[in-house]
Amino acid sequence: MNEVVEQEIPKFFSKEELEELARESGFIIRKRNIDGATFIRLVCLNKDNLRKESLNDLTVTLRQEYDIEMTKQSLHKRFNEKAVLFLKMTLAKLLNRRINRSRILPLASRFKRILIKDSVCFQIDESLLEHYPGSGGSGSKASVRIQFEYDMLSGLINDLGIYAFNEQDATNSAATLDMTREGDLVIRDLAYMHLDALKGFIQRSVSFLCRLNTQTLVYQQVKGEMKPVNFSLIVKRMVGFRVNSLVEDVYIGKKEKLPVRLFIYLMPQQEYSERIRKAQKKAKENGRSLTKEYKARAALNLFITNVTDGSLTLNNAWTLYRMRWQIELVFKVWKSIWEIDEVKKVNKQRFECYILSKLITISLCWQLVWRIGKTLYRLEGKMLSFIKAFKTLRRYVADLWFFFEKDEESVKKYFLKFYETSRVNHLLETRGKQERSMELLVASLLMAASPSQEVELYSLG
């Protein structure tokens, strides 16, 4: 047990590293009454909810817990652009910690990383409209968008950033191409996967799996000529021959003609009827009617990939894409437990410090919970409830300071204590055949390995 836990314990920062980042960012220029490490503890590992605390509340915390005397006016001045830069650098360094692979899970034999990405949006006070313009609908006109991407194989976060609402997912997909590398498999929603992004992935030798956009033209080569795919005929043949799924080599885009494999899954009749009902209602509201082509495509779930070696099959492609939906639980944790979307009226710098501090804390907790989940399943075959584990970490978030100290024994004791709590109090409860969400991720990855094969372990270093 101890040997496994030692390999699983995440290592983050030392106080010395935080001070170095504070100096590099300009947050600390000379010896001040509040240093970088103390600022991190105040805004990231605050046992109270920072969004509810006034500057006066924070100065009381500094006096009572850190023996630092500071006026609220002085503290207000510390929430500046240099503080924002310090937190951005801290988050970036946390996310860019390199991982060492000690054993290889069979699922990783083909792909170095399997990246899942999505975004979450929420409204903020209109005083920040200039910096974070929203959609212009009802409610506040100011909104923020947080982009989140993680590696399914390691749990390591690849991208976590704050943007204005009007920076759409498609724009972000093109802007963050340099975060992908050869050997990756990228799984993203339709909003990210426009043709320019797909071409960018191909050029970088990055694999992708995504839904086929309903507006994208699809062709097949027939006797040397490009012919549009007849989806009505495909549906008719699949129903007639009782075939539920098939794969075809096709080309997409009117001009680009990108070669891809198309995975085709026939929808159950009940789901198809519901999909058509909603589409017809929406079309009627807009004064339109559904085309024959749309109805044919609606009877199918369509996915495209540039993987051609057979490592993605009709069976595992659908399973892998379903994993992308699990990211919704992550956003639920952010909102229901960490209340990241509830922010009072503050200036831009303090708002950004608040959001960044939450993202730093969430990143720390994410890595801890991920390792606890893997260890618990590997050693005891039990499923961890990520929500229960995060609730406990939220209540005792101040304890995470152990991970910023060069006291490996204290860190180990904390990990073991949290593991023992999790194996009793954080287990997943199932209700009949109810579909489980994020917790399936750990099990699905581990079950991919046969008993005779080694399981993948990761450690930060």
Protein backbone atom coordinates (compact mmCIF):
# COMPACT_ATOMS: atom_id res chain seq x y z
CA MET A 1 0.00 0.00 0.00
CA ASN A 2 2.67 2.53 1.01
CA GLU A 3 4.74 1.82 -2.10
CA VAL A 4 1.77 2.46 -4.39
CA VAL A 5 0.74 5.60 -2.52
CA GLU A 6 4.26 7.02 -2.69
CA GLN A 7 4.13 6.76 -6.48
CA GLU A 8 0.68 8.36 -6.58
CA ILE A 9 1.29 11.35 -4.29
CA PRO A 10 1.19 14.57 -6.33
CA LYS A 11 3.99 17.09 -5.81
CA PHE A 12 3.24 20.74 -6.44
CA PHE A 13 5.25 23.79 -5.33
CA SER A 14 7.63 24.74 -2.59
CA LYS A 15 7.37 28.10 -0.82
CA GLU A 16 10.69 29.01 -2.43
CA GLU A 17 9.24 28.43 -5.90
CA LEU A 18 6.25 30.63 -5.09
CA GLU A 19 8.53 33.43 -3.93
CA GLU A 20 10.51 33.16 -7.16
CA LEU A 21 7.31 33.43 -9.21
CA ALA A 22 6.20 36.40 -7.08
CA ARG A 23 9.45 38.21 -7.86
CA GLU A 24 9.37 37.32 -11.58
CA SER A 25 5.84 38.70 -11.88
CA GLY A 26 6.73 41.89 -10.04
CA PHE A 27 4.22 41.11 -7.27
CA ILE A 28 7.13 41.24 -4.81
CA ILE A 29 9.90 43.75 -5.47
CA ARG A 30 11.32 44.18 -2.00
CA LYS A 31 10.57 42.61 1.35
CA ARG A 32 6.89 43.30 2.05
CA ASN A 33 4.46 42.46 4.81
CA ILE A 34 2.70 39.94 2.56
CA ASP A 35 4.86 37.60 0.49
CA GLY A 36 3.92 35.35 -2.44
CA ALA A 37 3.31 32.22 -0.37
CA THR A 38 1.04 34.07 2.08
CA PHE A 39 -0.94 35.62 -0.79
CA ILE A 40 -1.50 32.15 -2.30
CA ARG A 41 -2.72 30.84 1.05
CA LEU A 42 -5.01 33.85 1.50
CA VAL A 43 -6.73 33.70 -1.89
CA CYS A 44 -6.41 30.02 -2.90
CA LEU A 45 -6.54 28.04 0.35
CA ASN A 46 -8.98 30.22 2.23
CA LYS A 47 -11.34 28.08 4.30
CA ASP A 48 -14.08 30.71 3.83
CA ASN A 49 -15.59 31.60 0.48
CA LEU A 50 -13.53 34.43 -0.99
CA ARG A 51 -16.50 35.77 -2.95
CA LYS A 52 -18.33 36.59 0.31
CA GLU A 53 -15.41 38.13 2.14
CA SER A 54 -14.75 41.85 2.22
CA LEU A 55 -11.29 43.37 2.22
CA ASN A 56 -11.75 43.97 5.94
CA ASP A 57 -12.51 40.25 6.44
CA LEU A 58 -9.29 39.36 4.64
CA THR A 59 -7.22 41.74 6.76
CA VAL A 60 -8.68 40.08 9.87
CA THR A 61 -7.59 36.70 8.46
CA LEU A 62 -4.08 38.06 7.88
CA ARG A 63 -3.92 39.31 11.47
CA GLN A 64 -5.45 36.25 13.14
CA GLU A 65 -3.82 33.47 11.11
CA TYR A 66 -0.58 35.00 9.82
CA ASP A 67 0.15 37.72 12.38
CA ILE A 68 0.30 40.31 9.57
CA GLU A 69 -1.06 43.79 10.16
CA MET A 70 -2.43 45.41 7.01
CA THR A 71 -5.12 47.97 6.27
CA LYS A 72 -7.89 47.17 3.83
CA GLN A 73 -6.70 50.08 1.65
CA SER A 74 -3.22 48.54 1.42
CA LEU A 75 -4.65 45.11 0.65
CA HIS A 76 -6.88 46.62 -2.05
CA LYS A 77 -3.77 47.97 -3.78
CA ARG A 78 -2.22 44.50 -3.78
CA PHE A 79 -5.04 43.18 -6.01
CA ASN A 80 -3.42 44.65 -9.12
CA GLU A 81 -2.15 43.54 -12.54
CA LYS A 82 1.03 42.14 -10.96
CA ALA A 83 -1.05 40.00 -8.61
CA VAL A 84 -3.03 38.73 -11.61
CA LEU A 85 0.22 37.92 -13.43
CA PHE A 86 1.57 36.12 -10.35
CA LEU A 87 -1.52 33.90 -10.18
CA LYS A 88 -1.43 33.29 -13.95
CA MET A 89 2.22 32.21 -13.71
CA THR A 90 1.42 29.97 -10.74
CA LEU A 91 -1.45 28.31 -12.61
CA ALA A 92 0.65 27.93 -15.76
CA LYS A 93 3.50 26.29 -13.87
CA LEU A 94 1.08 23.96 -12.13
CA LEU A 95 -0.47 22.90 -15.44
CA ASN A 96 2.89 22.49 -17.19
CA ARG A 97 4.40 20.09 -14.69
CA ARG A 98 5.82 17.25 -16.74
CA ILE A 99 4.66 13.70 -16.15
CA ASN A 100 6.79 10.60 -16.03
CA ARG A 101 5.30 7.37 -17.34
CA SER A 102 6.39 4.30 -15.46
CA ARG A 103 4.02 1.78 -17.00
CA ILE A 104 1.87 1.87 -20.09
CA LEU A 105 -1.83 1.16 -20.17
CA PRO A 106 -2.85 -0.68 -23.37
CA LEU A 107 -5.14 2.20 -24.30
CA ALA A 108 -2.08 4.45 -24.38
CA SER A 109 -0.05 2.21 -26.66
CA ARG A 110 -1.44 4.07 -29.69
CA PHE A 111 -1.99 7.56 -28.28
CA LYS A 112 0.30 9.51 -25.97
CA ARG A 113 -2.60 11.63 -24.72
CA ILE A 114 -6.37 11.60 -25.19
CA LEU A 115 -7.47 15.23 -24.83
CA ILE A 116 -11.03 16.24 -23.99
CA LYS A 117 -12.00 19.91 -24.16
CA ASP A 118 -15.06 22.03 -23.47
CA SER A 119 -15.97 25.43 -22.03
CA VAL A 120 -18.30 26.78 -19.37
CA CYS A 121 -19.80 30.29 -19.34
CA PHE A 122 -21.45 32.42 -16.68
CA GLN A 123 -22.62 35.99 -16.27
CA ILE A 124 -20.75 38.55 -14.17
CA ASP A 125 -21.43 42.11 -13.04
CA GLU A 126 -21.95 44.57 -15.91
CA SER A 127 -19.20 46.81 -14.55
CA LEU A 128 -16.80 44.37 -16.27
CA LEU A 129 -18.54 44.62 -19.65
CA GLU A 130 -15.60 46.41 -21.26
CA HIS A 131 -13.29 43.51 -20.48
CA TYR A 132 -15.73 40.57 -20.69
CA PRO A 133 -18.55 41.30 -23.18
CA GLY A 134 -21.36 38.75 -23.17
CA SER A 135 -23.99 37.57 -25.61
CA GLY A 136 -26.24 40.60 -25.28
CA GLY A 137 -29.28 38.57 -24.18
CA SER A 138 -31.30 38.81 -20.98
CA GLY A 139 -29.51 39.31 -17.68
CA SER A 140 -26.06 40.82 -17.37
CA LYS A 141 -24.40 41.93 -20.58
CA ALA A 142 -21.01 40.80 -19.23
CA SER A 143 -20.03 37.13 -19.29
CA VAL A 144 -16.89 35.07 -18.88
CA ARG A 145 -15.90 31.83 -20.61
CA ILE A 146 -13.49 29.31 -19.09
CA GLN A 147 -11.84 26.82 -21.44
CA PHE A 148 -10.89 23.47 -19.90
CA GLU A 149 -8.97 20.56 -21.44
CA TYR A 150 -7.52 17.48 -19.75
CA ASP A 151 -5.81 14.23 -20.68
CA MET A 152 -8.03 11.19 -20.11
CA LEU A 153 -5.03 8.91 -19.61
CA SER A 154 -3.28 10.83 -16.85
CA GLY A 155 -5.86 13.27 -15.56
CA LEU A 156 -3.33 16.04 -16.21
CA ILE A 157 -4.90 19.38 -17.14
CA ASN A 158 -3.65 20.67 -20.50
CA ASP A 159 -5.48 23.99 -20.77
CA LEU A 160 -7.36 26.14 -18.27
CA GLY A 161 -7.93 29.77 -19.21
CA ILE A 162 -10.28 32.73 -18.73
CA TYR A 163 -11.74 34.48 -21.78
CA ALA A 164 -14.57 36.80 -22.73
CA PHE A 165 -17.82 35.07 -23.67
CA ASN A 166 -17.61 36.28 -27.26
CA GLU A 167 -14.34 34.41 -27.83
CA GLN A 168 -16.07 31.36 -29.25
CA ASP A 169 -14.90 27.75 -29.03
CA ALA A 170 -14.02 27.70 -32.73
CA THR A 171 -11.65 30.64 -32.26
CA ASN A 172 -10.09 29.00 -29.21
CA SER A 173 -9.61 25.74 -31.09
CA ALA A 174 -7.46 27.43 -33.74
CA ALA A 175 -5.61 29.57 -31.18
CA THR A 176 -4.66 26.60 -29.00
CA LEU A 177 -3.41 24.25 -31.72
CA ASP A 178 0.10 24.66 -30.33
CA MET A 179 -1.04 22.92 -27.13
CA THR A 180 -1.44 19.70 -29.07
CA ARG A 181 1.43 17.53 -30.25
CA GLU A 182 2.12 14.51 -32.40
CA GLY A 183 0.61 11.36 -30.94
CA ASP A 184 -2.39 13.10 -29.32
CA LEU A 185 -5.99 12.09 -29.87
CA VAL A 186 -8.26 15.14 -29.59
CA ILE A 187 -11.94 14.62 -28.74
CA ARG A 188 -14.01 17.80 -28.93
CA ASP A 189 -17.54 19.00 -29.55
CA LEU A 190 -18.80 20.38 -32.85
CA ALA A 191 -18.18 23.98 -31.81
CA TYR A 192 -14.41 23.42 -31.83
CA MET A 193 -14.04 21.27 -34.92
CA HIS A 194 -14.37 23.48 -37.97
CA LEU A 195 -12.47 22.51 -41.11
CA ASP A 196 -9.54 24.86 -40.46
CA ALA A 197 -8.99 23.25 -37.06
CA LEU A 198 -9.16 19.76 -38.57
CA LYS A 199 -6.58 20.72 -41.20
CA GLY A 200 -4.38 22.09 -38.42
CA PHE A 201 -4.55 18.80 -36.54
CA ILE A 202 -3.65 16.84 -39.66
CA GLN A 203 -0.66 19.09 -40.34
CA ARG A 204 0.60 18.54 -36.77
CA SER A 205 0.08 14.74 -36.96
CA VAL A 206 -2.60 15.00 -34.28
CA SER A 207 -5.49 12.53 -34.38
CA PHE A 208 -9.08 13.68 -33.84
CA LEU A 209 -12.50 12.21 -33.16
CA CYS A 210 -15.57 14.43 -33.38
CA ARG A 211 -19.14 14.61 -34.54
CA LEU A 212 -19.79 15.45 -38.17
CA ASN A 213 -21.33 18.89 -38.55
CA THR A 214 -24.80 18.65 -40.10
CA GLN A 215 -23.85 21.37 -42.62
CA THR A 216 -20.61 19.73 -43.76
CA LEU A 217 -20.71 18.25 -47.25
CA VAL A 218 -19.61 14.63 -47.47
CA TYR A 219 -18.31 12.86 -50.60
CA GLN A 220 -17.20 9.41 -51.66
CA GLN A 221 -14.98 8.54 -54.58
CA VAL A 222 -16.96 6.52 -57.11
CA LYS A 223 -15.15 5.43 -60.29
CA GLY A 224 -12.68 8.28 -59.96
CA GLU A 225 -15.33 10.95 -59.34
CA MET A 226 -16.39 12.69 -56.13
CA LYS A 227 -20.07 11.96 -55.45
CA PRO A 228 -22.14 13.36 -52.53
CA VAL A 229 -22.99 10.69 -49.95
CA ASN A 230 -26.67 9.73 -50.06
CA PHE A 231 -27.61 9.46 -46.36
CA SER A 232 -31.23 8.59 -47.17
CA LEU A 233 -30.02 5.50 -49.04
CA ILE A 234 -27.66 4.59 -46.18
CA VAL A 235 -30.51 4.72 -43.64
CA LYS A 236 -32.75 2.64 -45.91
CA ARG A 237 -30.09 -0.04 -46.38
CA MET A 238 -29.11 -0.16 -42.69
CA VAL A 239 -32.74 -0.63 -41.68
CA GLY A 240 -33.35 -3.18 -44.47
CA PHE A 241 -30.29 -5.27 -43.64
CA ARG A 242 -30.64 -4.72 -39.87
CA VAL A 243 -27.20 -3.18 -39.59
CA ASN A 244 -26.73 -0.89 -36.57
CA SER A 245 -23.35 0.55 -37.46
CA LEU A 246 -20.83 0.78 -40.27
CA VAL A 247 -17.68 2.67 -41.27
CA GLU A 248 -16.91 4.37 -44.58
CA ASP A 249 -13.93 6.20 -46.10
CA VAL A 250 -15.17 9.65 -47.17
CA TYR A 251 -14.05 13.19 -47.95
CA ILE A 252 -15.48 16.30 -46.24
CA GLY A 253 -15.72 19.94 -47.31
CA LYS A 254 -16.79 21.37 -50.65
CA LYS A 255 -13.31 22.76 -51.38
CA GLU A 256 -11.01 21.03 -48.88
CA LYS A 257 -12.01 17.40 -49.56
CA LEU A 258 -10.30 16.20 -46.35
CA PRO A 259 -10.01 12.39 -46.27
CA VAL A 260 -11.55 10.95 -43.07
CA ARG A 261 -13.18 7.78 -41.80
CA LEU A 262 -16.88 8.12 -41.10
CA PHE A 263 -18.43 6.08 -38.25
CA ILE A 264 -22.17 5.66 -38.79
CA TYR A 265 -24.53 4.56 -36.00
CA LEU A 266 -28.26 4.05 -36.56
CA MET A 267 -30.35 5.82 -33.93
CA PRO A 268 -33.03 3.85 -32.03
CA GLN A 269 -36.46 4.77 -33.41
CA GLN A 270 -37.62 6.37 -30.15
CA GLU A 271 -34.56 8.65 -29.96
CA TYR A 272 -34.87 9.52 -33.64
CA SER A 273 -38.54 10.51 -33.20
CA GLU A 274 -37.66 12.74 -30.26
CA ARG A 275 -34.80 14.36 -32.20
CA ILE A 276 -37.09 15.08 -35.16
CA ARG A 277 -39.86 16.42 -32.90
CA LYS A 278 -37.50 19.00 -31.36
CA ALA A 279 -36.03 19.92 -34.75
CA GLN A 280 -39.47 20.41 -36.31
CA LYS A 281 -40.57 22.62 -33.41
CA LYS A 282 -37.48 24.79 -33.77
CA ALA A 283 -37.82 24.94 -37.57
CA LYS A 284 -41.49 25.98 -37.30
CA GLU A 285 -40.57 28.81 -34.90
CA ASN A 286 -38.11 30.08 -37.51
CA GLY A 287 -40.52 29.66 -40.43
CA ARG A 288 -38.63 26.79 -42.01
CA SER A 289 -39.22 23.11 -42.77
CA LEU A 290 -36.88 20.13 -42.44
CA THR A 291 -35.25 18.86 -45.61
CA LYS A 292 -35.09 15.22 -46.64
CA GLU A 293 -31.32 15.32 -46.17
CA TYR A 294 -31.65 16.67 -42.63
CA LYS A 295 -34.16 13.98 -41.67
CA ALA A 296 -31.85 11.28 -43.05
CA ARG A 297 -28.85 12.57 -41.10
CA ALA A 298 -31.01 12.91 -37.98
CA ALA A 299 -31.56 9.16 -38.05
CA LEU A 300 -27.81 8.66 -37.60
CA ASN A 301 -25.04 9.48 -35.18
CA LEU A 302 -22.08 10.47 -37.35
CA PHE A 303 -18.45 10.75 -36.21
CA ILE A 304 -15.29 11.46 -38.18
CA THR A 305 -11.64 10.65 -37.50
CA ASN A 306 -8.31 10.82 -39.32
CA VAL A 307 -7.10 7.64 -37.60
CA THR A 308 -6.65 4.99 -40.29
CA ASP A 309 -4.75 2.16 -38.60
CA GLY A 310 -7.75 0.44 -37.02
CA SER A 311 -7.02 1.48 -33.42
CA LEU A 312 -10.34 3.33 -33.47
CA THR A 313 -13.17 0.92 -34.20
CA LEU A 314 -16.94 1.14 -34.36
CA ASN A 315 -17.06 -0.09 -30.77
CA ASN A 316 -14.41 1.98 -29.02
CA ALA A 317 -14.96 5.21 -31.00
CA TRP A 318 -18.49 5.58 -29.63
CA THR A 319 -17.31 4.74 -26.11
CA LEU A 320 -14.46 7.25 -26.30
CA TYR A 321 -16.68 10.05 -27.55
CA ARG A 322 -19.15 9.44 -24.76
CA MET A 323 -16.31 10.15 -22.34
CA ARG A 324 -16.33 13.75 -23.58
CA TRP A 325 -19.71 14.21 -21.97
CA GLN A 326 -18.21 13.48 -18.56
CA ILE A 327 -16.65 16.94 -18.54
CA GLU A 328 -20.10 18.26 -17.65
CA LEU A 329 -19.62 16.82 -14.17
CA VAL A 330 -16.41 18.83 -13.82
CA PHE A 331 -18.35 22.03 -14.53
CA LYS A 332 -21.03 20.94 -12.06
CA VAL A 333 -18.33 20.62 -9.39
CA TRP A 334 -17.01 24.09 -10.24
CA LYS A 335 -20.42 25.70 -9.85
CA SER A 336 -22.16 23.72 -7.12
CA ILE A 337 -19.16 23.13 -4.83
CA TRP A 338 -16.65 25.87 -5.61
CA GLU A 339 -19.31 28.44 -6.62
CA ILE A 340 -16.95 29.79 -9.27
CA ASP A 341 -19.82 31.50 -11.08
CA GLU A 342 -20.96 33.53 -8.05
CA VAL A 343 -18.90 36.70 -7.94
CA LYS A 344 -19.82 39.99 -6.29
CA LYS A 345 -19.12 43.39 -7.78
CA VAL A 346 -15.37 44.04 -7.65
CA ASN A 347 -12.82 45.64 -9.95
CA LYS A 348 -11.26 43.75 -12.86
CA GLN A 349 -8.02 42.81 -11.08
CA ARG A 350 -9.71 41.49 -7.98
CA PHE A 351 -12.23 39.56 -10.09
CA GLU A 352 -9.44 37.92 -12.09
CA CYS A 353 -7.53 37.11 -8.90
CA TYR A 354 -10.69 35.45 -7.57
CA ILE A 355 -11.22 33.30 -10.66
CA LEU A 356 -7.53 32.39 -11.00
CA SER A 357 -7.30 31.46 -7.32
CA LYS A 358 -10.28 29.13 -7.76
CA LEU A 359 -8.72 27.53 -10.83
CA ILE A 360 -5.44 26.97 -8.98
CA THR A 361 -7.25 25.33 -6.07
CA ILE A 362 -9.42 23.23 -8.36
CA SER A 363 -6.30 22.07 -10.24
CA LEU A 364 -4.63 21.00 -7.00
CA CYS A 365 -7.75 19.13 -5.86
CA TRP A 366 -8.30 17.60 -9.31
CA GLN A 367 -4.88 15.93 -9.26
CA LEU A 368 -5.37 14.67 -5.72
CA VAL A 369 -8.86 13.27 -6.39
CA TRP A 370 -7.73 11.70 -9.66
CA ARG A 371 -4.96 9.79 -7.90
CA ILE A 372 -7.19 8.75 -5.02
CA GLY A 373 -9.75 7.45 -7.53
CA LYS A 374 -7.18 5.43 -9.46
CA THR A 375 -5.59 4.02 -6.29
CA LEU A 376 -8.95 3.11 -4.76
CA TYR A 377 -10.11 1.30 -7.87
CA ARG A 378 -6.79 -0.46 -8.42
CA LEU A 379 -6.38 -1.72 -4.86
CA GLU A 380 -9.98 -2.40 -3.85
CA GLY A 381 -12.08 -2.28 -7.01
CA LYS A 382 -14.21 0.51 -5.51
CA MET A 383 -15.56 3.52 -7.37
CA LEU A 384 -14.88 7.01 -6.03
CA SER A 385 -17.56 9.68 -6.07
CA PHE A 386 -15.72 12.72 -7.35
CA ILE A 387 -18.43 15.04 -6.06
CA LYS A 388 -18.23 13.67 -2.51
CA ALA A 389 -14.44 13.90 -2.53
CA PHE A 390 -14.50 17.50 -3.80
CA LYS A 391 -17.03 18.49 -1.14
CA THR A 392 -14.68 17.29 1.58
CA LEU A 393 -11.70 19.07 0.02
CA ARG A 394 -13.75 22.27 -0.18
CA ARG A 395 -14.51 22.10 3.55
CA TYR A 396 -10.88 21.50 4.51
CA VAL A 397 -9.13 23.34 1.68
CA ALA A 398 -6.69 25.06 4.07
CA ASP A 399 -5.09 21.65 4.72
CA LEU A 400 -3.76 21.57 1.16
CA TRP A 401 -0.89 23.80 2.26
CA PHE A 402 0.93 20.54 2.99
CA PHE A 403 1.51 20.26 -0.75
CA PHE A 404 3.52 23.50 -0.78
CA GLU A 405 5.98 22.38 1.86
CA LYS A 406 9.11 20.24 1.65
CA ASP A 407 7.67 17.87 4.23
CA GLU A 408 7.08 14.65 2.30
CA GLU A 409 6.09 12.76 5.43
CA SER A 410 3.23 15.20 6.16
CA VAL A 411 2.08 15.00 2.54
CA LYS A 412 2.12 11.22 2.68
CA LYS A 413 0.11 11.19 5.91
CA TYR A 414 -2.43 13.57 4.39
CA PHE A 415 -2.79 11.41 1.28
CA LEU A 416 -3.25 8.24 3.37
CA LYS A 417 -5.75 9.96 5.65
CA PHE A 418 -7.78 11.23 2.70
CA TYR A 419 -7.59 7.79 1.08
CA GLU A 420 -9.00 6.17 4.23
CA THR A 421 -11.78 8.75 4.34
CA SER A 422 -12.56 8.17 0.66
CA ARG A 423 -12.76 4.37 0.92
CA VAL A 424 -15.48 4.80 3.57
CA ASN A 425 -17.21 8.13 2.95
CA HIS A 426 -16.58 8.96 -0.72
CA LEU A 427 -17.78 5.82 -2.47
CA LEU A 428 -20.08 6.07 -5.46
CA GLU A 429 -23.67 5.08 -4.76
CA THR A 430 -25.55 3.62 -7.69
CA ARG A 431 -29.32 3.63 -8.07
CA GLY A 432 -30.42 0.67 -10.11
CA LYS A 433 -29.19 0.97 -13.69
CA GLN A 434 -28.72 4.73 -13.54
CA GLU A 435 -25.96 5.94 -15.84
CA ARG A 436 -22.87 7.06 -13.93
CA SER A 437 -20.84 9.98 -15.15
CA MET A 438 -17.28 11.05 -14.38
CA GLU A 439 -16.60 8.08 -12.11
CA LEU A 440 -16.85 5.71 -15.08
CA LEU A 441 -13.73 7.32 -16.50
CA VAL A 442 -11.28 5.84 -14.02
CA ALA A 443 -12.81 2.38 -14.23
CA SER A 444 -13.01 2.36 -18.02
CA LEU A 445 -9.31 3.18 -18.33
CA LEU A 446 -8.22 0.62 -15.76
CA MET A 447 -10.51 -2.12 -17.07
CA ALA A 448 -8.94 -1.71 -20.50
CA ALA A 449 -5.92 -3.54 -19.10
CA SER A 450 -6.07 -7.28 -18.67
CA PRO A 451 -5.00 -8.70 -15.26
CA SER A 452 -1.67 -9.80 -16.69
CA GLN A 453 -0.79 -6.37 -18.00
CA GLU A 454 0.78 -3.46 -16.15
CA VAL A 455 -1.35 -0.46 -15.22
CA GLU A 456 -0.20 3.05 -16.02
CA LEU A 457 1.08 5.14 -13.12
CA TYR A 458 1.86 8.84 -13.26
CA SER A 459 3.86 11.06 -10.93
CA LEU A 460 4.55 14.75 -11.20
CA GLY A 461 8.19 15.74 -11.16
